[in-house]
Amino acid sequence: MTRVQRIIHALRSQAIGVVALFVALGGTGYAAISIPAGSVGSRQLRNDAVTSRKIANGAIAPAKLNGRAFGGYVLYWAQISATGQVTASRPRGAHTTSWNANPAFNGIGFGGPVTWNKSIPAGCFALADASEFPAASSSPAYASAQIHPGSASVANVIVNPSTPVAVNVAVICPAG
């Protein structure tokens, strides 16, 4: 193949790529100009087209959602080990204060307050769950929690098994 033939071959290859690029960009440009604003809505979206990986963090907050569609939302949560250590929480930084891992705590069970160092809005309530089966018991543990009025803590997380177990605590707030 001569040098001139190689140049002609290279130009033809480039020309095909340039034509393909203009066709692709032309279709996108046509769609951007011809489709009216606001014409694509929930009716045009396929099921499972929008996933959590496609939504930016913080883009959807409970305050932005329709309050009639949801009864409430989890404002804060924490996982607490049987020894009273916070193993995970949202937001980060939750901690226990005065956690008593003695099952005879107050003659009821064991537990203590959980603090997030953020205010808990009025109207919210706390839930606690200790769904593990203690080794020394054939019945599941149960837990209760209440919000300490005017503070940033959930007070009196009380768990009643014969052996300390891990506890999940959540602060639930009504939507809307």
Protein backbone atom coordinates (compact mmCIF):
# COMPACT_ATOMS: atom_id res chain seq x y z
CA MET A 1 0.00 0.00 0.00
CA THR A 2 1.44 3.34 -1.01
CA ARG A 3 1.64 6.33 1.22
CA VAL A 4 -1.22 8.07 -0.62
CA GLN A 5 -3.43 5.01 -0.26
CA ARG A 6 -2.72 4.87 3.49
CA ILE A 7 -3.67 8.53 3.87
CA ILE A 8 -6.92 8.02 1.93
CA HIS A 9 -7.72 4.94 4.05
CA ALA A 10 -7.10 6.89 7.28
CA LEU A 11 -9.32 9.78 6.11
CA ARG A 12 -12.15 7.39 5.25
CA SER A 13 -11.91 5.79 8.72
CA GLN A 14 -11.97 9.20 10.35
CA ALA A 15 -14.87 10.33 8.20
CA ILE A 16 -17.01 7.39 9.34
CA GLY A 17 -16.26 8.22 12.99
CA VAL A 18 -17.07 11.92 12.47
CA VAL A 19 -20.37 11.09 10.76
CA ALA A 20 -21.31 8.71 13.62
CA LEU A 21 -20.48 11.43 16.15
CA PHE A 22 -22.69 13.99 14.40
CA VAL A 23 -25.58 11.52 14.18
CA ALA A 24 -25.34 10.76 17.90
CA LEU A 25 -25.06 14.39 18.94
CA GLY A 26 -27.77 15.44 16.52
CA GLY A 27 -30.28 13.04 18.10
CA THR A 28 -29.48 14.30 21.58
CA GLY A 29 -29.74 17.91 20.46
CA TYR A 30 -33.07 17.24 18.75
CA ALA A 31 -34.44 15.63 21.93
CA ALA A 32 -33.24 18.54 24.06
CA ILE A 33 -34.96 21.06 21.79
CA SER A 34 -38.14 19.22 20.83
CA ILE A 35 -39.20 17.66 24.17
CA PRO A 36 -40.95 20.27 26.33
CA ALA A 37 -39.75 20.92 29.88
CA GLY A 38 -41.56 18.89 32.52
CA SER A 39 -42.87 16.34 30.03
CA VAL A 40 -41.07 13.41 31.63
CA GLY A 41 -42.67 12.45 34.91
CA SER A 42 -43.45 9.43 37.05
CA ARG A 43 -45.73 7.93 34.38
CA GLN A 44 -42.80 7.75 31.95
CA LEU A 45 -40.42 6.09 34.42
CA ARG A 46 -40.19 2.32 34.40
CA ASN A 47 -40.38 0.35 37.65
CA ASP A 48 -37.01 0.27 39.43
CA ALA A 49 -35.56 2.89 37.04
CA VAL A 50 -34.59 5.13 39.97
CA THR A 51 -32.46 3.37 42.57
CA SER A 52 -30.73 4.57 45.71
CA ARG A 53 -27.38 4.44 43.88
CA LYS A 54 -28.70 7.02 41.38
CA ILE A 55 -29.84 9.51 44.05
CA ALA A 56 -27.33 11.82 45.72
CA ASN A 57 -26.99 11.69 49.50
CA GLY A 58 -29.29 14.24 51.10
CA ALA A 59 -31.29 14.77 47.90
CA ILE A 60 -34.36 13.24 49.51
CA ALA A 61 -35.05 14.07 53.14
CA PRO A 62 -38.16 13.26 55.17
CA ALA A 63 -39.13 16.93 55.16
CA LYS A 64 -39.19 16.91 51.32
CA LEU A 65 -41.52 13.91 51.08
CA ASN A 66 -45.30 13.96 51.21
CA GLY A 67 -46.19 13.62 54.89
CA ARG A 68 -49.41 11.79 54.07
CA ALA A 69 -47.46 9.02 52.32
CA PHE A 70 -45.43 8.07 55.41
CA GLY A 71 -46.39 7.71 59.03
CA GLY A 72 -42.95 8.60 60.32
CA TYR A 73 -39.22 8.25 59.86
CA VAL A 74 -36.18 7.18 61.85
CA LEU A 75 -34.38 10.31 63.01
CA TYR A 76 -31.59 8.61 65.02
CA TRP A 77 -30.65 5.00 65.69
CA ALA A 78 -27.96 3.11 67.57
CA GLN A 79 -26.81 -0.47 68.01
CA ILE A 80 -25.57 -1.16 71.52
CA SER A 81 -23.56 -4.23 72.52
CA ALA A 82 -24.39 -6.34 75.56
CA THR A 83 -21.66 -4.48 77.45
CA GLY A 84 -23.19 -1.06 76.67
CA GLN A 85 -20.82 0.05 73.89
CA VAL A 86 -22.34 1.77 70.84
CA THR A 87 -21.22 -0.35 67.87
CA ALA A 88 -23.00 1.67 65.15
CA SER A 89 -25.21 4.75 65.00
CA ARG A 90 -26.70 7.36 62.72
CA PRO A 91 -25.73 10.10 63.04
CA ARG A 92 -22.31 9.03 64.25
CA GLY A 93 -21.28 9.92 67.74
CA ALA A 94 -24.04 8.29 69.77
CA HIS A 95 -22.87 7.08 73.15
CA THR A 96 -24.19 5.54 76.31
CA THR A 97 -23.86 7.15 79.69
CA SER A 98 -24.23 5.26 82.95
CA TRP A 99 -24.96 1.99 81.13
CA ASN A 100 -25.47 -0.78 83.64
CA ALA A 101 -24.85 -4.29 82.29
CA ASN A 102 -26.11 -5.85 85.52
CA PRO A 103 -29.39 -7.70 84.84
CA ALA A 104 -30.65 -6.71 88.28
CA PHE A 105 -30.50 -2.97 87.39
CA ASN A 106 -33.38 -1.25 89.20
CA GLY A 107 -34.76 -4.70 89.94
CA ILE A 108 -36.01 -4.85 86.33
CA GLY A 109 -33.20 -5.50 83.87
CA PHE A 110 -30.16 -3.67 82.55
CA GLY A 111 -29.62 -0.56 80.44
CA GLY A 112 -29.22 3.19 80.67
CA PRO A 113 -29.45 6.39 78.61
CA VAL A 114 -28.29 6.77 74.98
CA THR A 115 -27.21 10.24 73.82
CA TRP A 116 -26.75 11.65 70.30
CA ASN A 117 -25.74 15.19 71.36
CA LYS A 118 -28.40 16.53 68.99
CA SER A 119 -31.81 17.74 69.98
CA ILE A 120 -34.77 15.41 69.70
CA PRO A 121 -37.85 17.27 68.39
CA ALA A 122 -41.07 17.26 70.34
CA GLY A 123 -43.52 14.57 69.27
CA CYS A 124 -40.84 11.96 68.54
CA PHE A 125 -40.73 8.69 70.43
CA ALA A 126 -38.16 5.98 71.10
CA LEU A 127 -38.21 2.27 70.38
CA ALA A 128 -35.83 -0.35 71.71
CA ASP A 129 -35.44 -3.94 70.55
CA ALA A 130 -33.47 -6.78 72.07
CA SER A 131 -34.49 -9.66 69.88
CA GLU A 132 -31.63 -12.02 70.73
CA PHE A 133 -32.26 -15.15 72.72
CA PRO A 134 -30.07 -15.09 75.84
CA ALA A 135 -28.09 -18.29 76.29
CA ALA A 136 -29.50 -18.88 79.77
CA SER A 137 -33.13 -18.32 78.79
CA SER A 138 -35.61 -19.92 76.42
CA SER A 139 -37.56 -16.67 75.93
CA PRO A 140 -36.48 -13.61 73.92
CA ALA A 141 -35.39 -10.45 75.65
CA TYR A 142 -37.60 -7.41 75.45
CA ALA A 143 -36.68 -3.76 75.70
CA SER A 144 -38.37 -0.44 76.19
CA ALA A 145 -37.18 3.15 75.82
CA GLN A 146 -38.51 6.64 76.29
CA ILE A 147 -37.28 10.08 75.34
CA HIS A 148 -36.02 12.21 78.16
CA PRO A 149 -38.05 15.44 77.84
CA GLY A 150 -36.02 18.50 76.84
CA SER A 151 -32.76 16.67 76.17
CA ALA A 152 -30.81 15.01 73.40
CA SER A 153 -30.99 11.56 74.92
CA VAL A 154 -33.17 8.53 75.10
CA ALA A 155 -33.51 7.71 78.77
CA ASN A 156 -34.26 4.47 80.52
CA VAL A 157 -33.44 1.92 77.86
CA ILE A 158 -34.39 -1.07 79.94
CA VAL A 159 -33.82 -4.62 78.76
CA ASN A 160 -35.21 -7.54 80.70
CA PRO A 161 -33.45 -10.83 80.04
CA SER A 162 -31.54 -12.97 82.48
CA THR A 163 -28.32 -12.29 80.50
CA PRO A 164 -27.25 -9.00 78.84
CA VAL A 165 -27.82 -8.90 75.08
CA ALA A 166 -27.30 -6.39 72.26
CA VAL A 167 -29.95 -3.68 71.92
CA ASN A 168 -31.17 -1.58 68.97
CA VAL A 169 -32.57 1.86 69.80
CA ALA A 170 -34.33 4.22 67.38
CA VAL A 171 -35.88 7.65 67.66
CA ILE A 172 -38.98 7.81 65.42
CA CYS A 173 -40.56 11.11 64.41
CA PRO A 174 -43.96 11.64 62.77
CA ALA A 175 -43.84 12.78 59.15
CA GLY A 176 -45.29 16.05 58.03
